[in-house]
Protein backbone atom coordinates (compact mmCIF):
# COMPACT_ATOMS: atom_id res chain seq x y z
CA MET A 1 -9.51 59.97 3.34
CA THR A 2 -6.67 58.75 3.15
CA LYS A 3 -5.46 56.93 -0.19
CA PRO A 4 -4.24 53.24 -0.27
CA GLU A 5 -0.41 52.64 -0.69
CA MET A 6 0.27 51.55 -4.21
CA LEU A 7 2.74 49.40 -5.40
CA THR A 8 4.17 49.32 -8.85
CA ILE A 9 3.92 46.04 -10.27
CA GLY A 10 7.73 45.91 -10.08
CA ALA A 11 7.86 46.40 -6.48
CA PHE A 12 4.93 44.27 -5.24
CA ALA A 13 6.60 41.29 -7.69
CA ARG A 14 9.78 41.90 -5.35
CA ALA A 15 7.55 41.99 -2.14
CA CYS A 16 5.41 38.83 -3.12
CA ARG A 17 8.18 36.66 -4.69
CA LEU A 18 6.14 36.75 -7.62
CA SER A 19 7.60 37.29 -11.11
CA PRO A 20 6.21 40.32 -13.28
CA LYS A 21 4.86 38.20 -15.92
CA ALA A 22 3.12 35.65 -13.44
CA LEU A 23 1.44 39.07 -11.99
CA ARG A 24 0.12 40.09 -15.53
CA LEU A 25 -1.24 35.91 -16.14
CA TYR A 26 -3.14 36.10 -12.60
CA ASP A 27 -4.74 39.34 -13.87
CA GLU A 28 -5.85 37.56 -17.11
CA LEU A 29 -6.72 34.92 -15.34
CA ASP A 30 -8.74 37.05 -12.76
CA LEU A 31 -6.85 35.31 -9.99
CA LEU A 32 -4.91 37.70 -8.82
CA ARG A 33 -6.45 41.32 -10.18
CA PRO A 34 -4.00 44.56 -9.76
CA ALA A 35 -5.85 47.64 -7.12
CA ARG A 36 -5.49 49.93 -10.51
CA VAL A 37 -4.47 49.89 -13.59
CA ASP A 38 -3.28 53.37 -15.32
CA PRO A 39 -5.61 54.01 -18.24
CA ASP A 40 -3.42 55.56 -20.15
CA THR A 41 0.06 53.96 -19.99
CA GLY A 42 -1.77 50.37 -19.03
CA TYR A 43 0.87 50.31 -15.76
CA ARG A 44 -0.48 48.44 -13.29
CA TYR A 45 -0.37 48.97 -9.07
CA TYR A 46 -1.11 46.96 -6.69
CA ALA A 47 -2.36 47.63 -2.78
CA VAL A 48 0.33 46.68 -0.16
CA GLU A 49 -3.36 45.05 1.49
CA GLN A 50 -2.90 43.17 -1.38
CA LEU A 51 0.55 41.04 -0.86
CA GLU A 52 -0.51 38.76 1.77
CA GLN A 53 -2.78 36.48 -1.09
CA ALA A 54 0.05 37.78 -3.36
CA ARG A 55 1.86 35.57 -1.14
CA LEU A 56 -0.04 32.81 -0.39
CA VAL A 57 -0.55 32.14 -4.48
CA ALA A 58 3.22 32.24 -4.53
CA TRP A 59 3.34 29.93 -1.96
CA LEU A 60 -0.04 27.45 -3.53
CA ARG A 61 1.98 27.52 -6.33
CA ARG A 62 5.90 26.39 -5.33
CA LEU A 63 3.30 23.52 -3.61
CA GLY A 64 2.86 22.68 -7.15
CA MET A 65 -1.26 23.61 -7.02
CA PRO A 66 -2.97 23.59 -10.13
CA LEU A 67 -4.33 27.07 -11.42
CA ALA A 68 -7.91 26.69 -10.93
CA HIS A 69 -7.51 25.05 -7.68
CA VAL A 70 -5.23 28.04 -6.63
CA ARG A 71 -8.09 29.93 -7.00
CA GLN A 72 -10.60 27.92 -4.71
CA VAL A 73 -8.63 27.68 -1.91
CA ARG A 74 -7.64 31.74 -2.31
CA ALA A 75 -11.55 32.27 -1.99
CA LEU A 76 -11.79 30.23 1.31
CA GLU A 77 -11.61 31.16 4.62
CA PRO A 78 -8.57 30.22 6.70
CA SER A 79 -9.29 27.24 9.03
CA ALA A 80 -10.82 26.17 5.34
CA ALA A 81 -7.88 26.47 3.09
CA ALA A 82 -6.36 25.08 5.26
CA ARG A 83 -8.23 21.99 5.22
CA GLU A 84 -7.90 21.96 1.53
CA ILE A 85 -4.23 22.36 1.53
CA ARG A 86 -3.79 19.65 4.29
CA ALA A 87 -5.91 17.61 2.01
CA PHE A 88 -4.58 18.50 -1.15
CA TRP A 89 -0.65 17.51 -0.12
CA ALA A 90 -2.00 14.28 1.43
CA ARG A 91 -2.70 13.39 -2.25
CA VAL A 92 0.37 15.11 -3.54
CA GLU A 93 2.47 12.19 -1.06
CA ALA A 94 0.11 9.53 -2.08
CA GLU A 95 0.79 10.11 -5.35
CA THR A 96 4.22 10.60 -4.91
CA ALA A 97 4.81 7.19 -2.71
CA VAL A 98 3.27 5.18 -5.52
CA ARG A 99 5.60 6.88 -8.28
CA ARG A 100 8.90 6.34 -5.54
CA ASP A 101 7.76 2.37 -5.34
CA LEU A 102 7.14 2.05 -9.12
CA ALA A 103 10.58 3.77 -9.85
CA THR A 104 12.50 1.53 -7.10
CA PHE A 105 10.67 -1.50 -8.45
CA LEU A 106 11.83 -0.68 -11.81
CA VAL A 107 15.44 0.06 -10.70
CA ASP A 108 15.76 -2.96 -8.65
CA HIS A 109 13.95 -5.14 -11.31
CA LEU A 110 16.56 -3.30 -14.13
CA SER A 111 19.84 -3.73 -12.71
CA THR A 112 20.06 -6.55 -9.19
CA PRO A 113 22.08 -8.99 -10.32
CA PRO A 114 19.29 -12.72 -9.77
CA ARG A 115 19.51 -13.76 -6.38
CA LYS A 116 19.43 -17.54 -5.40
CA ASP A 117 15.83 -17.11 -4.47
CA THR A 118 15.21 -15.26 -8.05
CA ARG A 119 16.66 -17.66 -10.71
CA PRO A 120 15.24 -17.47 -14.10
CA MET A 121 13.45 -20.72 -14.93
CA ALA A 122 14.03 -22.63 -17.96
CA SER A 123 11.93 -21.61 -20.89
CA THR A 124 10.98 -25.12 -21.41
CA ASP A 125 9.79 -25.94 -17.74
CA LEU A 126 5.86 -26.33 -17.72
CA LEU A 127 5.23 -25.68 -14.29
CA GLU A 128 2.11 -25.60 -12.19
CA LEU A 129 0.93 -24.94 -8.43
CA ARG A 130 -0.25 -27.26 -5.74
CA TYR A 131 -2.04 -25.17 -3.35
CA ALA A 132 -3.87 -24.72 0.10
CA ALA A 133 -5.49 -22.46 2.04
CA ARG A 134 -6.21 -22.82 5.76
CA THR A 135 -7.56 -20.39 8.25
CA ASP A 136 -8.54 -20.76 12.29
CA ILE A 137 -10.12 -18.41 15.04
CA GLY A 138 -7.06 -19.31 17.15
CA GLN A 139 -7.37 -19.70 21.47
CA VAL A 140 -7.93 -15.83 22.20
CA ARG A 141 -10.17 -14.03 19.53
CA ALA A 142 -13.59 -14.26 19.29
CA ALA A 143 -14.30 -13.96 15.93
CA ASN A 144 -11.77 -14.74 12.88
CA GLN A 145 -10.63 -11.71 10.63
CA ASP A 146 -8.55 -13.42 8.48
CA THR A 147 -9.68 -14.46 4.89
CA ALA A 148 -7.22 -17.29 2.96
CA TYR A 149 -7.56 -17.67 -0.39
CA ALA A 150 -5.77 -20.38 -2.98
CA GLY A 151 -7.04 -20.78 -6.65
CA SER A 152 -4.98 -21.85 -9.83
CA ARG A 153 -3.42 -18.65 -10.12
CA VAL A 154 -4.38 -16.15 -7.44
CA LEU A 155 -2.95 -16.88 -4.01
CA ALA A 156 -3.65 -14.40 -0.96
CA VAL A 157 -4.10 -13.85 2.75
CA ALA A 158 -5.77 -10.62 4.19
CA ASP A 159 -5.16 -9.75 8.30
CA GLY A 160 -8.48 -7.80 8.75
CA PHE A 161 -8.76 -5.66 12.23
CA GLY A 162 -11.29 -2.55 13.32
CA PRO A 163 -15.13 -3.07 13.49
CA GLY A 164 -15.43 -4.01 9.84
CA GLY A 165 -12.20 -6.34 9.44
CA ALA A 166 -13.76 -9.19 8.56
CA PRO A 167 -15.51 -7.70 5.84
CA ALA A 168 -12.74 -5.43 5.26
CA SER A 169 -10.03 -8.56 4.47
CA ALA A 170 -12.81 -10.80 2.77
CA ALA A 171 -13.83 -7.85 0.90
CA ALA A 172 -10.02 -7.58 -0.37
CA VAL A 173 -9.30 -11.07 -1.05
CA GLU A 174 -12.34 -11.00 -3.26
CA ALA A 175 -11.03 -8.18 -5.63
CA LEU A 176 -8.60 -10.98 -6.71
CA LYS A 177 -10.11 -13.43 -7.12
CA PHE A 178 -11.16 -12.43 -10.92
CA LEU A 179 -7.52 -12.80 -11.98
CA ASP A 180 -7.76 -17.02 -11.75
CA ALA A 181 -9.92 -16.67 -14.42
CA GLU A 182 -7.47 -13.78 -16.50
CA PRO A 183 -5.02 -15.37 -18.54
CA ILE A 184 -2.17 -14.01 -17.56
CA THR A 185 1.02 -13.17 -18.64
CA ALA A 186 4.24 -12.08 -17.10
CA GLY A 187 4.74 -8.27 -19.04
CA SER A 188 0.57 -8.10 -17.91
CA VAL A 189 0.11 -9.29 -14.80
CA LEU A 190 1.83 -6.23 -12.94
CA ASN A 191 -0.56 -3.92 -14.33
CA LEU A 192 -3.70 -6.30 -13.75
CA LEU A 193 -2.67 -6.09 -10.25
CA GLU A 194 -2.26 -2.67 -9.80
CA ASP A 195 -6.22 -2.61 -10.92
CA ALA A 196 -6.96 -5.05 -8.63
CA VAL A 197 -5.58 -3.51 -5.45
CA GLN A 198 -6.97 -0.79 -6.76
CA GLY A 199 -10.49 -2.16 -6.54
CA ALA A 200 -9.60 -3.90 -3.48
CA THR A 201 -8.80 -0.32 -2.15
CA GLN A 202 -11.69 1.00 -2.88
CA ALA A 203 -14.07 -2.22 -1.40
CA VAL A 204 -11.96 -1.42 1.89
CA GLN A 205 -12.64 2.22 1.52
CA ASP A 206 -16.83 1.21 1.35
CA ILE A 207 -15.99 -0.85 4.48
CA ALA A 208 -14.52 1.49 6.35
CA GLU A 209 -17.35 4.01 5.57
CA ALA A 210 -20.11 2.09 5.85
CA ALA A 211 -18.43 1.53 9.78
CA TYR A 212 -18.22 5.11 10.52
CA GLU A 213 -22.10 5.34 9.32
CA LYS A 214 -23.40 2.59 11.43
CA THR A 215 -20.87 3.50 14.51
CA GLY A 216 -20.59 7.04 14.15
CA ASP A 217 -16.70 6.93 14.54
CA GLU A 218 -14.90 9.60 12.47
CA ARG A 219 -11.72 7.05 12.84
CA THR A 220 -12.74 5.30 9.56
CA ASP A 221 -8.80 4.34 9.23
CA ASP A 222 -9.03 2.34 11.98
CA VAL A 223 -11.14 -0.13 9.97
CA GLY A 224 -8.90 -2.20 7.20
CA THR A 225 -7.27 -5.32 6.40
CA THR A 226 -3.54 -6.33 5.37
CA LEU A 227 -2.82 -8.03 2.07
CA THR A 228 -0.06 -10.40 0.72
CA ALA A 229 -1.12 -12.05 -2.41
CA MET A 230 0.73 -13.76 -5.82
CA VAL A 231 -0.61 -14.32 -8.91
CA TRP A 232 0.99 -17.04 -10.89
CA THR A 233 1.58 -16.04 -14.48
CA GLY A 234 2.82 -19.91 -15.46
CA SER A 235 6.64 -19.11 -15.19
CA ARG A 236 6.75 -15.59 -12.55
CA LEU A 237 4.77 -15.04 -9.63
CA ALA A 238 3.58 -11.65 -8.82
CA LEU A 239 3.84 -10.13 -5.56
CA VAL A 240 1.82 -7.50 -4.05
CA HIS A 241 2.47 -6.94 0.14
CA ILE A 242 1.12 -4.47 2.59
CA GLY A 243 0.99 -4.21 5.66
CA ASP A 244 2.47 -7.18 8.11
CA SER A 245 1.49 -10.65 6.99
CA ARG A 246 4.81 -12.49 5.35
CA ALA A 247 4.88 -14.48 2.45
CA TYR A 248 7.75 -16.68 2.52
CA LEU A 249 10.01 -19.40 -0.31
CA LEU A 250 11.54 -22.58 0.93
CA ARG A 251 13.78 -23.55 -1.84
CA ASP A 252 16.85 -25.75 -2.19
CA GLY A 253 16.19 -26.07 1.64
CA GLU A 254 16.54 -22.55 2.62
CA LEU A 255 13.81 -20.35 3.90
CA PHE A 256 13.59 -16.76 2.38
CA LEU A 257 11.58 -14.27 3.38
CA ILE A 258 10.31 -12.27 0.77
CA THR A 259 8.24 -9.51 1.95
CA HIS A 260 8.98 -6.51 4.58
CA ASP A 261 6.80 -5.65 7.66
CA HIS A 262 5.27 -2.08 7.86
CA THR A 263 5.24 -1.99 10.87
CA LEU A 264 6.43 0.84 13.67
CA VAL A 265 9.25 -2.14 15.19
CA GLN A 266 10.83 -3.02 11.85
CA SER A 267 10.99 0.66 10.50
CA MET A 268 13.03 1.06 14.37
CA ILE A 269 15.06 -1.96 13.18
CA ASP A 270 15.88 -1.24 9.43
CA GLU A 271 16.70 2.66 11.15
CA GLY A 272 19.09 0.19 13.75
CA ARG A 273 17.40 1.42 16.80
CA LEU A 274 15.51 -1.50 17.50
CA THR A 275 17.13 -5.19 17.18
CA PRO A 276 14.70 -8.34 15.84
CA GLU A 277 15.12 -9.60 18.63
CA GLU A 278 13.61 -6.65 20.95
CA ALA A 279 10.92 -6.88 19.00
CA THR A 280 9.35 -9.33 19.45
CA THR A 281 8.52 -7.86 22.67
CA HIS A 282 7.92 -4.41 21.84
CA PRO A 283 4.83 -2.90 23.17
CA GLN A 284 3.84 -1.74 19.81
CA ARG A 285 5.32 -4.61 17.71
CA THR A 286 1.52 -4.82 15.65
CA LEU A 287 1.38 -1.53 15.66
CA LEU A 288 0.79 -0.67 11.76
CA LEU A 289 2.39 1.71 9.63
CA LYS A 290 1.01 1.12 6.00
CA ALA A 291 -2.21 -1.22 5.34
CA LEU A 292 -5.26 -0.95 2.78
CA THR A 293 -7.70 1.31 4.91
CA SER A 294 -9.78 4.61 4.23
CA ALA A 295 -6.48 6.77 3.84
CA PRO A 296 -4.42 6.64 0.59
CA SER A 297 -1.50 3.92 0.60
CA SER A 298 0.72 1.88 -1.75
CA PRO A 299 1.34 -1.56 -1.50
CA ASP A 300 4.78 -3.46 -2.68
CA LEU A 301 4.86 -4.81 -5.59
CA ARG A 302 7.23 -7.45 -7.67
CA LEU A 303 8.32 -10.30 -10.10
CA HIS A 304 9.16 -13.30 -8.73
CA ASP A 305 10.96 -16.19 -10.98
CA ALA A 306 9.55 -19.64 -9.93
CA GLU A 307 11.20 -23.13 -10.46
CA ALA A 308 10.33 -26.54 -9.73
CA GLY A 309 10.65 -27.42 -6.12
CA ASP A 310 9.89 -24.30 -4.94
CA ARG A 311 7.68 -23.76 -2.03
CA TYR A 312 5.54 -20.72 -0.89
CA LEU A 313 4.11 -20.03 2.63
CA LEU A 314 1.57 -16.93 2.87
CA CYS A 315 0.66 -16.29 6.59
CA SER A 316 -1.10 -13.55 8.45
CA ASP A 317 0.88 -12.40 11.88
CA GLY A 318 -0.92 -15.38 14.21
CA LEU A 319 1.35 -17.28 12.45
CA THR A 320 4.70 -15.76 12.99
CA ARG A 321 4.07 -14.50 15.91
CA ALA A 322 3.44 -17.96 17.77
CA VAL A 323 5.82 -19.79 15.40
CA PRO A 324 9.72 -19.38 15.31
CA GLU A 325 11.13 -18.72 12.19
CA HIS A 326 12.94 -22.23 12.47
CA THR A 327 9.92 -24.09 13.26
CA ILE A 328 8.40 -22.94 10.41
CA GLN A 329 11.12 -24.17 8.14
CA ASP A 330 11.20 -27.18 9.31
CA LEU A 331 7.52 -27.75 9.23
CA LEU A 332 7.34 -26.71 5.38
CA THR A 333 10.63 -28.77 4.51
CA THR A 334 9.26 -31.95 6.46
CA THR A 335 5.78 -32.39 5.69
CA PRO A 336 5.18 -32.65 1.41
CA ASP A 337 1.32 -32.35 1.13
CA PRO A 338 0.26 -28.18 1.09
CA ASP A 339 -2.69 -28.76 3.02
CA ALA A 340 -1.16 -31.19 5.95
CA THR A 341 1.44 -28.45 5.90
CA ALA A 342 -1.03 -25.38 6.30
CA ALA A 343 -3.15 -28.11 9.07
CA ALA A 344 0.32 -28.49 10.85
CA LEU A 345 1.35 -24.80 11.14
CA ILE A 346 -2.03 -23.63 12.10
CA GLU A 347 -1.75 -26.50 14.84
CA THR A 348 1.31 -25.27 16.17
CA ALA A 349 0.64 -22.07 16.23
CA ASN A 350 -2.33 -22.91 18.62
CA ALA A 351 -0.50 -24.69 20.96
CA ASN A 352 2.06 -22.39 21.39
CA GLY A 353 -0.93 -20.34 22.28
CA GLY A 354 -2.39 -19.19 19.22
CA PRO A 355 -3.15 -15.28 20.55
CA ASP A 356 -4.50 -14.14 17.21
CA ASN A 357 -6.38 -15.52 14.00
CA VAL A 358 -3.77 -17.56 12.22
CA SER A 359 -4.38 -18.41 8.52
CA CYS A 360 -1.79 -19.92 5.54
CA VAL A 361 -1.40 -20.39 2.11
CA VAL A 362 0.84 -23.37 0.95
CA ALA A 363 1.60 -23.42 -2.61
CA ASP A 364 4.40 -26.16 -4.54
CA VAL A 365 5.43 -25.23 -7.62
CA VAL A 366 5.83 -28.37 -9.61
CA ARG A 367 6.01 -30.08 -13.27
CA GLY A 368 2.68 -30.50 -14.93
CA ALA A 369 1.14 -31.97 -12.00
CA GLY A 370 -2.38 -29.66 -12.30
CA GLY A 371 -3.35 -27.82 -9.17
CA ARG A 372 -6.00 -28.52 -6.55
CA MET A 373 -7.51 -26.52 -4.00
CA ARG A 374 -8.58 -26.97 -0.29
CA VAL A 375 -10.17 -24.12 2.24
CA ARG A 376 -10.50 -24.02 5.85
């Protein structure tokens, strides 16, 4: 019988791109044992057939996979190992996206000069919210999958989709409502909001899994919701946003869009491949790139300074698809009462065909006026 070709630890290290030190460590950890150890000298020798597994270990370590996880993957059949690597990398990308978004927020928050729509509030101002929330089925849809909510601290709109869209949007908003009863400061609000969003994400994932069990559909990411919400601290509003519902600020007669759509057409606009006018008729204009679904996804988070006289609008795309922005601005400017404004916005959307469910939250920042809520 021909003896297998053996390589010294140095030659094996060069062939598999692992250092001799790493090979000695992997031997001690029972991750990659040498084929033979000389009983007199202690020299390690490796078989040529071990190169494939050694290279796999090297590649997995370059991915950043922990050693315990590498051991598990190395023991799997190739197809199962491929699935495990795919799942590991999806988690890495999700975690990286969260850290990237947080880094972007911190850089922007610490280095960007105040814009006209983010002027600091005087410390002597005692501000409150007057607010109203309305939702409507529209003129075309068979059911309403939107959820709109306005409370003393929490304003939220969610637009569900898929077979569990209605409960998904309701669960996402419900997960934020506890913040209405929490004492909140501007310093703690982002952490509280992040915790609330994690709860909302888990609730949507549970609903997606329930929809899967009921229908047998493996595409649980077809069930989910957008979420655009603001949490009031008394001086600032913390904004969380994912999907294509929107938040607007009306200040000094000017209308500012303070969210960024997570859609395919918006990404094409950002890249210069599509104009805003072309986007309105694009066949995939409603295709979302990010939403709360069973798949990991990170929402946008930011703090927004408030001042007396500000008016905020949160709305589902059932409004923005049916009503031009200049009309939205006109209605926000000319209708003083928040509830009457929300009603007028929905009425206009329905008069323009009402192609989707439509939800609006209107909130005014006022001095000591006392908040109130109306929900339709």
